[in-house]
Amino acid sequence: MFNGPTIQDFFKQFPTDDACLDYLMQLRHGETIDCPKCGKHGKFARIKKEKAYSCPWCGHHIHPMVGTPFHKSHTPLQKWFYAMYLFTTTRHGVPAKELQRQLGVSYPTAFRMAHLIRDYMGKVDGEPPLTGHVEVDETYVGGKRAGKRGRGAAGKTVVFGILEREGEIYTSVVRNASGKSLIPHIEAQVPKGTRISSDEWLPYRVLTGLGYEHTTVDHGCRQWADGDTHVNTLEAFWSMLKRSIRGTHIHVSRQHLPKYLGEFEFRYNRRKRPETMFADLVASL
């Protein structure tokens, strides 16, 4: 259950655009800083008629919104902050229609804000190595299609995932489920010698020869676990992702799917510290 800030907490901390700007300035530059121009250390003063702060000695300006989605945006900063608050306090995502309703902006504005926030959520984590005991698996995302299900299903987007037990997750849209598409992601994200659990999919059989400790379960024979060998944790993540897409977004195109994956990665990787999600997101801008 989420135990981060409530809506009342949010509006108490950010009652105005000015409060949001002060918070952004402190996160990005600190309460006291060395002036880039004169080199003196101190607290910059807010310039009332600009969204900027000035050095008390030489008057050099710092604009904390430069380099963020807020720069040159006509949408009030508090609305941007509230949109990010919504994204970091939900399990299943925020559709553009919901942003439009809650923020009182146009649908194109809400759509653009949502995708910019998702893009930043995907960039916050970086790509740290996944070690210990990891699970690898692919899934197929898309609307209902007639014909074959699962691997080889037509018209669906293939998503590959690597999950570190008790750790973080990495996901990526891939061209297909061949070894040429999957194995390079494993070699890039998982150090040699790491234990990897997978299902019986043929391309994974090369992992032992590549220097990994590889164990499998045979889903084709309805084997879901063999001791601690399974991909159940990653399967649970896929289920949450698909339920969220179906229930919240209805459909996500292949073009935008990487942004949605980044959004869900962000929440999963911070699931143990939900109270810092909002601050982490703002601090990353």
C-alpha atoms as a PDB file:
ATOM      1  CA  MET A   1       0.000   0.000   0.000  1.00  0.00           C
ATOM      2  CA  PHE A   2       1.285   3.489  -0.827  1.00  0.00           C
ATOM      3  CA  ASN A   3       2.553   5.418   2.170  1.00  0.00           C
ATOM      4  CA  GLY A   4       3.878   8.539   0.508  1.00  0.00           C
ATOM      5  CA  PRO A   5       2.528  12.099   0.813  1.00  0.00           C
ATOM      6  CA  THR A   6      -1.232  12.658   0.689  1.00  0.00           C
ATOM      7  CA  ILE A   7      -2.949  15.249  -1.504  1.00  0.00           C
ATOM      8  CA  GLN A   8      -3.261  17.478   1.572  1.00  0.00           C
ATOM      9  CA  ASP A   9       0.490  17.114   2.177  1.00  0.00           C
ATOM     10  CA  PHE A  10       1.186  18.032  -1.437  1.00  0.00           C
ATOM     11  CA  PHE A  11      -0.839  21.257  -1.445  1.00  0.00           C
ATOM     12  CA  LYS A  12       0.479  22.219   1.987  1.00  0.00           C
ATOM     13  CA  GLN A  13       4.045  21.991   0.677  1.00  0.00           C
ATOM     14  CA  PHE A  14       3.286  23.472  -2.767  1.00  0.00           C
ATOM     15  CA  PRO A  15       0.480  26.021  -2.361  1.00  0.00           C
ATOM     16  CA  THR A  16       1.771  28.301  -5.160  1.00  0.00           C
ATOM     17  CA  ASP A  17       3.998  28.370  -8.216  1.00  0.00           C
ATOM     18  CA  ASP A  18       6.552  30.290  -6.148  1.00  0.00           C
ATOM     19  CA  ALA A  19       6.768  27.463  -3.605  1.00  0.00           C
ATOM     20  CA  CYS A  20       7.332  25.000  -6.456  1.00  0.00           C
ATOM     21  CA  LEU A  21      10.051  27.187  -7.963  1.00  0.00           C
ATOM     22  CA  ASP A  22      11.848  27.514  -4.602  1.00  0.00           C
ATOM     23  CA  TYR A  23      11.747  23.709  -4.212  1.00  0.00           C
ATOM     24  CA  LEU A  24      13.092  23.200  -7.731  1.00  0.00           C
ATOM     25  CA  MET A  25      15.898  25.700  -7.142  1.00  0.00           C
ATOM     26  CA  GLN A  26      16.961  24.006  -3.924  1.00  0.00           C
ATOM     27  CA  LEU A  27      16.883  20.512  -5.434  1.00  0.00           C
ATOM     28  CA  ARG A  28      18.807  21.418  -8.568  1.00  0.00           C
ATOM     29  CA  HIS A  29      21.301  23.911  -7.145  1.00  0.00           C
ATOM     30  CA  GLY A  30      21.180  23.767  -3.349  1.00  0.00           C
ATOM     31  CA  GLU A  31      20.231  26.345  -0.741  1.00  0.00           C
ATOM     32  CA  THR A  32      23.631  28.048  -0.913  1.00  0.00           C
ATOM     33  CA  ILE A  33      25.878  27.756  -3.961  1.00  0.00           C
ATOM     34  CA  ASP A  34      29.092  28.995  -5.522  1.00  0.00           C
ATOM     35  CA  CYS A  35      28.246  31.643  -8.102  1.00  0.00           C
ATOM     36  CA  PRO A  36      29.290  30.418 -11.579  1.00  0.00           C
ATOM     37  CA  LYS A  37      30.313  33.977 -12.484  1.00  0.00           C
ATOM     38  CA  CYS A  38      32.045  35.543  -9.458  1.00  0.00           C
ATOM     39  CA  GLY A  39      32.773  32.369  -7.476  1.00  0.00           C
ATOM     40  CA  LYS A  40      31.428  33.699  -4.176  1.00  0.00           C
ATOM     41  CA  HIS A  41      29.406  31.345  -1.987  1.00  0.00           C
ATOM     42  CA  GLY A  42      25.995  32.296  -0.690  1.00  0.00           C
ATOM     43  CA  LYS A  43      22.241  32.157  -1.054  1.00  0.00           C
ATOM     44  CA  PHE A  44      20.782  33.472  -4.297  1.00  0.00           C
ATOM     45  CA  ALA A  45      17.805  35.829  -4.016  1.00  0.00           C
ATOM     46  CA  ARG A  46      14.538  35.358  -5.870  1.00  0.00           C
ATOM     47  CA  ILE A  47      13.824  37.860  -8.663  1.00  0.00           C
ATOM     48  CA  LYS A  48      10.148  38.712  -8.327  1.00  0.00           C
ATOM     49  CA  LYS A  49       9.387  39.509 -11.969  1.00  0.00           C
ATOM     50  CA  GLU A  50      11.290  36.522 -13.357  1.00  0.00           C
ATOM     51  CA  LYS A  51      11.399  32.784 -12.647  1.00  0.00           C
ATOM     52  CA  ALA A  52      15.019  33.193 -11.655  1.00  0.00           C
ATOM     53  CA  TYR A  53      17.421  33.830  -8.757  1.00  0.00           C
ATOM     54  CA  SER A  54      20.343  36.261  -8.635  1.00  0.00           C
ATOM     55  CA  CYS A  55      23.749  36.312  -6.988  1.00  0.00           C
ATOM     56  CA  PRO A  56      23.768  38.893  -4.146  1.00  0.00           C
ATOM     57  CA  TRP A  57      27.269  40.058  -5.157  1.00  0.00           C
ATOM     58  CA  CYS A  58      27.449  40.191  -8.961  1.00  0.00           C
ATOM     59  CA  GLY A  59      23.782  39.800  -9.949  1.00  0.00           C
ATOM     60  CA  HIS A  60      24.334  36.653 -12.052  1.00  0.00           C
ATOM     61  CA  HIS A  61      21.017  34.904 -12.766  1.00  0.00           C
ATOM     62  CA  ILE A  62      20.142  31.228 -12.407  1.00  0.00           C
ATOM     63  CA  HIS A  63      16.941  29.940 -14.028  1.00  0.00           C
ATOM     64  CA  PRO A  64      16.090  26.592 -12.340  1.00  0.00           C
ATOM     65  CA  MET A  65      13.470  25.691 -14.971  1.00  0.00           C
ATOM     66  CA  VAL A  66      15.985  25.720 -17.846  1.00  0.00           C
ATOM     67  CA  GLY A  67      16.605  22.179 -19.082  1.00  0.00           C
ATOM     68  CA  THR A  68      13.299  20.844 -17.725  1.00  0.00           C
ATOM     69  CA  PRO A  69       9.928  20.233 -19.419  1.00  0.00           C
ATOM     70  CA  PHE A  70       8.677  23.345 -17.581  1.00  0.00           C
ATOM     71  CA  HIS A  71      10.999  25.690 -19.468  1.00  0.00           C
ATOM     72  CA  LYS A  72       9.000  27.826 -21.932  1.00  0.00           C
ATOM     73  CA  SER A  73       5.817  25.971 -20.920  1.00  0.00           C
ATOM     74  CA  HIS A  74       2.709  28.114 -20.451  1.00  0.00           C
ATOM     75  CA  THR A  75       1.313  25.584 -17.960  1.00  0.00           C
ATOM     76  CA  PRO A  76       1.700  26.772 -14.332  1.00  0.00           C
ATOM     77  CA  LEU A  77       4.516  25.060 -12.442  1.00  0.00           C
ATOM     78  CA  GLN A  78       2.177  23.875  -9.696  1.00  0.00           C
ATOM     79  CA  LYS A  79       0.180  21.933 -12.311  1.00  0.00           C
ATOM     80  CA  TRP A  80       3.358  20.264 -13.537  1.00  0.00           C
ATOM     81  CA  PHE A  81       4.237  19.331  -9.961  1.00  0.00           C
ATOM     82  CA  TYR A  82       0.746  17.988  -9.319  1.00  0.00           C
ATOM     83  CA  ALA A  83       0.902  15.902 -12.507  1.00  0.00           C
ATOM     84  CA  MET A  84       4.192  14.384 -11.317  1.00  0.00           C
ATOM     85  CA  TYR A  85       2.647  13.789  -7.900  1.00  0.00           C
ATOM     86  CA  LEU A  86      -0.172  11.821  -9.558  1.00  0.00           C
ATOM     87  CA  PHE A  87       2.314   9.748 -11.573  1.00  0.00           C
ATOM     88  CA  THR A  88       4.323   8.850  -8.481  1.00  0.00           C
ATOM     89  CA  THR A  89       1.373   7.973  -6.239  1.00  0.00           C
ATOM     90  CA  THR A  90      -0.522   5.588  -8.512  1.00  0.00           C
ATOM     91  CA  ARG A  91       0.090   1.925  -9.230  1.00  0.00           C
ATOM     92  CA  HIS A  92      -1.538   1.791 -12.638  1.00  0.00           C
ATOM     93  CA  GLY A  93      -0.559   5.018 -14.364  1.00  0.00           C
ATOM     94  CA  VAL A  94      -2.380   8.211 -15.244  1.00  0.00           C
ATOM     95  CA  PRO A  95      -4.171   8.587 -18.598  1.00  0.00           C
ATOM     96  CA  ALA A  96      -4.078  11.928 -20.387  1.00  0.00           C
ATOM     97  CA  LYS A  97      -7.843  12.257 -19.946  1.00  0.00           C
ATOM     98  CA  GLU A  98      -7.416  12.108 -16.168  1.00  0.00           C
ATOM     99  CA  LEU A  99      -4.708  14.778 -16.295  1.00  0.00           C
ATOM    100  CA  GLN A 100      -6.978  16.926 -18.456  1.00  0.00           C
ATOM    101  CA  ARG A 101      -9.786  16.606 -15.901  1.00  0.00           C
ATOM    102  CA  GLN A 102      -7.697  17.195 -12.770  1.00  0.00           C
ATOM    103  CA  LEU A 103      -5.470  19.972 -14.125  1.00  0.00           C
ATOM    104  CA  GLY A 104      -8.052  21.811 -16.191  1.00  0.00           C
ATOM    105  CA  VAL A 105      -5.839  21.867 -19.298  1.00  0.00           C
ATOM    106  CA  SER A 106      -6.551  20.904 -22.906  1.00  0.00           C
ATOM    107  CA  TYR A 107      -6.207  17.270 -23.972  1.00  0.00           C
ATOM    108  CA  PRO A 108      -3.165  17.968 -26.225  1.00  0.00           C
ATOM    109  CA  THR A 109      -1.463  19.700 -23.285  1.00  0.00           C
ATOM    110  CA  ALA A 110      -2.285  16.806 -20.946  1.00  0.00           C
ATOM    111  CA  PHE A 111      -1.063  14.263 -23.528  1.00  0.00           C
ATOM    112  CA  ARG A 112       2.222  16.113 -23.994  1.00  0.00           C
ATOM    113  CA  MET A 113       2.762  16.494 -20.237  1.00  0.00           C
ATOM    114  CA  ALA A 114       2.102  12.799 -19.646  1.00  0.00           C
ATOM    115  CA  HIS A 115       4.613  11.655 -22.235  1.00  0.00           C
ATOM    116  CA  LEU A 116       7.305  14.083 -21.069  1.00  0.00           C
ATOM    117  CA  ILE A 117       6.880  12.865 -17.474  1.00  0.00           C
ATOM    118  CA  ARG A 118       7.023   9.209 -18.573  1.00  0.00           C
ATOM    119  CA  ASP A 119      10.158   9.960 -20.574  1.00  0.00           C
ATOM    120  CA  TYR A 120      11.881  11.399 -17.500  1.00  0.00           C
ATOM    121  CA  MET A 121      10.711   8.532 -15.281  1.00  0.00           C
ATOM    122  CA  GLY A 122      12.410   6.143 -17.677  1.00  0.00           C
ATOM    123  CA  LYS A 123      15.677   8.094 -17.556  1.00  0.00           C
ATOM    124  CA  VAL A 124      15.963   8.453 -13.777  1.00  0.00           C
ATOM    125  CA  ASP A 125      17.092   4.915 -12.986  1.00  0.00           C
ATOM    126  CA  GLY A 126      19.835   4.548 -15.574  1.00  0.00           C
ATOM    127  CA  GLU A 127      20.878   0.977 -16.298  1.00  0.00           C
ATOM    128  CA  PRO A 128      22.788  -0.464 -13.312  1.00  0.00           C
ATOM    129  CA  PRO A 129      24.125  -4.043 -13.592  1.00  0.00           C
ATOM    130  CA  LEU A 130      21.712  -6.710 -12.371  1.00  0.00           C
ATOM    131  CA  THR A 131      23.433  -9.321 -10.206  1.00  0.00           C
ATOM    132  CA  GLY A 132      22.772 -12.087  -7.699  1.00  0.00           C
ATOM    133  CA  HIS A 133      19.886 -14.203  -9.004  1.00  0.00           C
ATOM    134  CA  VAL A 134      18.029 -12.742 -11.959  1.00  0.00           C
ATOM    135  CA  GLU A 135      15.026 -13.783 -14.038  1.00  0.00           C
ATOM    136  CA  VAL A 136      14.704 -13.258 -17.800  1.00  0.00           C
ATOM    137  CA  ASP A 137      11.513 -13.499 -19.826  1.00  0.00           C
ATOM    138  CA  GLU A 138       9.629 -11.942 -22.738  1.00  0.00           C
ATOM    139  CA  THR A 139       6.003 -10.958 -23.066  1.00  0.00           C
ATOM    140  CA  TYR A 140       3.711  -9.785 -25.843  1.00  0.00           C
ATOM    141  CA  VAL A 141       1.813  -6.535 -25.547  1.00  0.00           C
ATOM    142  CA  GLY A 142      -1.074  -5.479 -27.758  1.00  0.00           C
ATOM    143  CA  GLY A 143      -4.812  -5.616 -28.281  1.00  0.00           C
ATOM    144  CA  LYS A 144      -6.731  -8.825 -28.839  1.00  0.00           C
ATOM    145  CA  ARG A 145      -5.942 -10.476 -32.142  1.00  0.00           C
ATOM    146  CA  ALA A 146      -7.466 -13.528 -33.774  1.00  0.00           C
ATOM    147  CA  GLY A 147      -5.119 -16.480 -34.186  1.00  0.00           C
ATOM    148  CA  LYS A 148      -2.092 -17.700 -32.285  1.00  0.00           C
ATOM    149  CA  ARG A 149      -1.425 -16.562 -28.737  1.00  0.00           C
ATOM    150  CA  GLY A 150       1.905 -16.140 -26.966  1.00  0.00           C
ATOM    151  CA  ARG A 151       5.209 -16.473 -28.840  1.00  0.00           C
ATOM    152  CA  GLY A 152       4.694 -15.827 -32.521  1.00  0.00           C
ATOM    153  CA  ALA A 153       1.385 -14.017 -32.066  1.00  0.00           C
ATOM    154  CA  ALA A 154       0.785 -11.611 -34.932  1.00  0.00           C
ATOM    155  CA  GLY A 155       0.420  -7.879 -34.453  1.00  0.00           C
ATOM    156  CA  LYS A 156       1.839  -7.716 -30.930  1.00  0.00           C
ATOM    157  CA  THR A 157       4.893  -5.926 -29.566  1.00  0.00           C
ATOM    158  CA  VAL A 158       7.617  -8.039 -27.933  1.00  0.00           C
ATOM    159  CA  VAL A 159       8.945  -6.778 -24.594  1.00  0.00           C
ATOM    160  CA  PHE A 160      11.976  -8.333 -22.910  1.00  0.00           C
ATOM    161  CA  GLY A 161      12.678  -8.099 -19.196  1.00  0.00           C
ATOM    162  CA  ILE A 162      15.490  -8.836 -16.750  1.00  0.00           C
ATOM    163  CA  LEU A 163      14.613  -8.777 -13.054  1.00  0.00           C
ATOM    164  CA  GLU A 164      17.007  -8.948 -10.123  1.00  0.00           C
ATOM    165  CA  ARG A 165      15.518 -10.841  -7.183  1.00  0.00           C
ATOM    166  CA  GLU A 166      14.858  -8.311  -4.392  1.00  0.00           C
ATOM    167  CA  GLY A 167      16.345  -5.677  -6.671  1.00  0.00           C
ATOM    168  CA  GLU A 168      15.568  -3.705  -9.819  1.00  0.00           C
ATOM    169  CA  ILE A 169      14.080  -4.470 -13.213  1.00  0.00           C
ATOM    170  CA  TYR A 170      15.154  -3.660 -16.775  1.00  0.00           C
ATOM    171  CA  THR A 171      12.762  -3.791 -19.733  1.00  0.00           C
ATOM    172  CA  SER A 172      13.077  -3.068 -23.422  1.00  0.00           C
ATOM    173  CA  VAL A 173      10.966  -3.303 -26.564  1.00  0.00           C
ATOM    174  CA  VAL A 174      12.706  -5.783 -28.892  1.00  0.00           C
ATOM    175  CA  ARG A 175      12.225  -6.696 -32.536  1.00  0.00           C
ATOM    176  CA  ASN A 176      11.379 -10.345 -31.839  1.00  0.00           C
ATOM    177  CA  ALA A 177      12.080 -13.182 -29.406  1.00  0.00           C
ATOM    178  CA  SER A 178      15.141 -14.533 -31.219  1.00  0.00           C
ATOM    179  CA  GLY A 179      18.534 -14.954 -29.598  1.00  0.00           C
ATOM    180  CA  LYS A 180      19.894 -12.062 -31.668  1.00  0.00           C
ATOM    181  CA  SER A 181      17.303  -9.772 -30.067  1.00  0.00           C
ATOM    182  CA  LEU A 182      17.454 -11.071 -26.487  1.00  0.00           C
ATOM    183  CA  ILE A 183      20.988 -12.205 -25.644  1.00  0.00           C
ATOM    184  CA  PRO A 184      22.744  -8.830 -26.251  1.00  0.00           C
ATOM    185  CA  HIS A 185      20.489  -7.241 -23.598  1.00  0.00           C
ATOM    186  CA  ILE A 186      21.500  -9.924 -21.091  1.00  0.00           C
ATOM    187  CA  GLU A 187      25.211  -9.500 -21.833  1.00  0.00           C
ATOM    188  CA  ALA A 188      24.904  -5.719 -21.482  1.00  0.00           C
ATOM    189  CA  GLN A 189      22.953  -5.751 -18.192  1.00  0.00           C
ATOM    190  CA  VAL A 190      24.060  -8.924 -16.375  1.00  0.00           C
ATOM    191  CA  PRO A 191      27.715  -9.630 -15.398  1.00  0.00           C
ATOM    192  CA  LYS A 192      29.145 -13.041 -16.318  1.00  0.00           C
ATOM    193  CA  GLY A 193      28.893 -15.578 -13.506  1.00  0.00           C
ATOM    194  CA  THR A 194      25.449 -14.342 -12.427  1.00  0.00           C
ATOM    195  CA  ARG A 195      22.760 -16.952 -11.889  1.00  0.00           C
ATOM    196  CA  ILE A 196      19.929 -16.640 -14.420  1.00  0.00           C
ATOM    197  CA  SER A 197      16.533 -18.367 -14.270  1.00  0.00           C
ATOM    198  CA  SER A 198      14.426 -18.637 -17.419  1.00  0.00           C
ATOM    199  CA  ASP A 199      11.823 -20.829 -19.043  1.00  0.00           C
ATOM    200  CA  GLU A 200      12.675 -23.403 -21.701  1.00  0.00           C
ATOM    201  CA  TRP A 201      12.767 -20.973 -24.661  1.00  0.00           C
ATOM    202  CA  LEU A 202      15.502 -22.176 -27.049  1.00  0.00           C
ATOM    203  CA  PRO A 203      17.568 -18.942 -27.353  1.00  0.00           C
ATOM    204  CA  TYR A 204      18.335 -19.027 -23.613  1.00  0.00           C
ATOM    205  CA  ARG A 205      20.258 -22.325 -23.937  1.00  0.00           C
ATOM    206  CA  VAL A 206      23.435 -20.453 -24.906  1.00  0.00           C
ATOM    207  CA  LEU A 207      23.657 -18.721 -21.524  1.00  0.00           C
ATOM    208  CA  THR A 208      25.729 -21.441 -19.846  1.00  0.00           C
ATOM    209  CA  GLY A 209      28.267 -21.311 -22.667  1.00  0.00           C
ATOM    210  CA  LEU A 210      28.434 -17.530 -22.292  1.00  0.00           C
ATOM    211  CA  GLY A 211      29.567 -17.849 -18.663  1.00  0.00           C
ATOM    212  CA  TYR A 212      26.293 -17.658 -16.739  1.00  0.00           C
ATOM    213  CA  GLU A 213      24.864 -20.124 -14.216  1.00  0.00           C
ATOM    214  CA  HIS A 214      21.655 -20.959 -16.049  1.00  0.00           C
ATOM    215  CA  THR A 215      18.692 -22.877 -14.634  1.00  0.00           C
ATOM    216  CA  THR A 216      15.285 -23.379 -16.274  1.00  0.00           C
ATOM    217  CA  VAL A 217      11.688 -24.384 -15.738  1.00  0.00           C
ATOM    218  CA  ASP A 218       9.587 -25.990 -18.461  1.00  0.00           C
ATOM    219  CA  HIS A 219       6.366 -24.036 -18.876  1.00  0.00           C
ATOM    220  CA  GLY A 220       5.405 -26.294 -21.783  1.00  0.00           C
ATOM    221  CA  CYS A 221       5.140 -29.164 -19.296  1.00  0.00           C
ATOM    222  CA  ARG A 222       3.325 -26.894 -16.796  1.00  0.00           C
ATOM    223  CA  GLN A 223       6.368 -26.641 -14.546  1.00  0.00           C
ATOM    224  CA  TRP A 224       6.232 -23.208 -12.929  1.00  0.00           C
ATOM    225  CA  ALA A 225       8.978 -23.625 -10.317  1.00  0.00           C
ATOM    226  CA  ASP A 226      11.822 -25.957  -9.409  1.00  0.00           C
ATOM    227  CA  GLY A 227      13.003 -24.891  -5.984  1.00  0.00           C
ATOM    228  CA  ASP A 228      14.009 -21.252  -6.372  1.00  0.00           C
ATOM    229  CA  THR A 229      14.241 -21.553 -10.157  1.00  0.00           C
ATOM    230  CA  HIS A 230      11.290 -19.704 -11.680  1.00  0.00           C
ATOM    231  CA  VAL A 231      10.306 -16.521 -13.510  1.00  0.00           C
ATOM    232  CA  ASN A 232       7.222 -15.920 -11.382  1.00  0.00           C
ATOM    233  CA  THR A 233       8.390 -12.499 -10.126  1.00  0.00           C
ATOM    234  CA  LEU A 234       8.834 -11.228 -13.670  1.00  0.00           C
ATOM    235  CA  GLU A 235       5.543 -12.820 -14.749  1.00  0.00           C
ATOM    236  CA  ALA A 236       3.821 -10.895 -11.936  1.00  0.00           C
ATOM    237  CA  PHE A 237       5.325  -7.661 -13.269  1.00  0.00           C
ATOM    238  CA  TRP A 238       4.061  -8.472 -16.782  1.00  0.00           C
ATOM    239  CA  SER A 239       0.575  -9.112 -15.381  1.00  0.00           C
ATOM    240  CA  MET A 240       0.540  -5.768 -13.565  1.00  0.00           C
ATOM    241  CA  LEU A 241       1.775  -3.963 -16.692  1.00  0.00           C
ATOM    242  CA  LYS A 242      -0.889  -5.516 -18.924  1.00  0.00           C
ATOM    243  CA  ARG A 243      -3.708  -4.954 -16.426  1.00  0.00           C
ATOM    244  CA  SER A 244      -2.697  -1.330 -16.167  1.00  0.00           C
ATOM    245  CA  ILE A 245      -2.591  -0.853 -19.932  1.00  0.00           C
ATOM    246  CA  ARG A 246      -5.966  -2.520 -20.427  1.00  0.00           C
ATOM    247  CA  GLY A 247      -7.653  -0.833 -17.477  1.00  0.00           C
ATOM    248  CA  THR A 248      -6.092   2.629 -17.624  1.00  0.00           C
ATOM    249  CA  HIS A 249      -4.800   3.273 -21.126  1.00  0.00           C
ATOM    250  CA  ILE A 250      -6.851   0.736 -23.190  1.00  0.00           C
ATOM    251  CA  HIS A 251      -4.129   0.602 -25.845  1.00  0.00           C
ATOM    252  CA  VAL A 252      -0.481   1.668 -26.110  1.00  0.00           C
ATOM    253  CA  SER A 253       1.257   1.919 -29.488  1.00  0.00           C
ATOM    254  CA  ARG A 254       4.661   0.372 -30.130  1.00  0.00           C
ATOM    255  CA  GLN A 255       6.004   3.898 -30.660  1.00  0.00           C
ATOM    256  CA  HIS A 256       5.117   5.038 -27.124  1.00  0.00           C
ATOM    257  CA  LEU A 257       5.449   1.692 -25.293  1.00  0.00           C
ATOM    258  CA  PRO A 258       9.084   2.315 -24.160  1.00  0.00           C
ATOM    259  CA  LYS A 259       7.910   5.387 -22.221  1.00  0.00           C
ATOM    260  CA  TYR A 260       5.219   3.365 -20.436  1.00  0.00           C
ATOM    261  CA  LEU A 261       7.787   0.671 -19.620  1.00  0.00           C
ATOM    262  CA  GLY A 262      10.075   3.333 -18.141  1.00  0.00           C
ATOM    263  CA  GLU A 263       7.204   4.608 -16.011  1.00  0.00           C
ATOM    264  CA  PHE A 264       6.464   1.165 -14.574  1.00  0.00           C
ATOM    265  CA  GLU A 265      10.170   0.421 -14.078  1.00  0.00           C
ATOM    266  CA  PHE A 266      10.470   3.632 -12.052  1.00  0.00           C
ATOM    267  CA  ARG A 267       7.654   2.604  -9.709  1.00  0.00           C
ATOM    268  CA  TYR A 268       8.877  -0.987  -9.342  1.00  0.00           C
ATOM    269  CA  ASN A 269      12.462   0.038  -8.616  1.00  0.00           C
ATOM    270  CA  ARG A 270      11.262   2.438  -5.899  1.00  0.00           C
ATOM    271  CA  ARG A 271       8.559   0.218  -4.431  1.00  0.00           C
ATOM    272  CA  LYS A 272      10.403  -0.019  -1.088  1.00  0.00           C
ATOM    273  CA  ARG A 273      10.647   3.765  -0.677  1.00  0.00           C
ATOM    274  CA  PRO A 274       7.467   5.273  -2.152  1.00  0.00           C
ATOM    275  CA  GLU A 275       7.779   8.358   0.023  1.00  0.00           C
ATOM    276  CA  THR A 276      10.773   9.519  -2.071  1.00  0.00           C
ATOM    277  CA  MET A 277       9.294   8.899  -5.533  1.00  0.00           C
ATOM    278  CA  PHE A 278       8.117  12.464  -6.097  1.00  0.00           C
ATOM    279  CA  ALA A 279      11.351  14.044  -4.849  1.00  0.00           C
ATOM    280  CA  ASP A 280      13.437  11.614  -6.910  1.00  0.00           C
ATOM    281  CA  LEU A 281      11.512  12.527 -10.041  1.00  0.00           C
ATOM    282  CA  VAL A 282      11.778  16.290  -9.531  1.00  0.00           C
ATOM    283  CA  ALA A 283      15.451  16.014  -8.579  1.00  0.00           C
ATOM    284  CA  SER A 284      16.191  14.171 -11.829  1.00  0.00           C
ATOM    285  CA  LEU A 285      14.994  17.015 -14.020  1.00  0.00           C
END
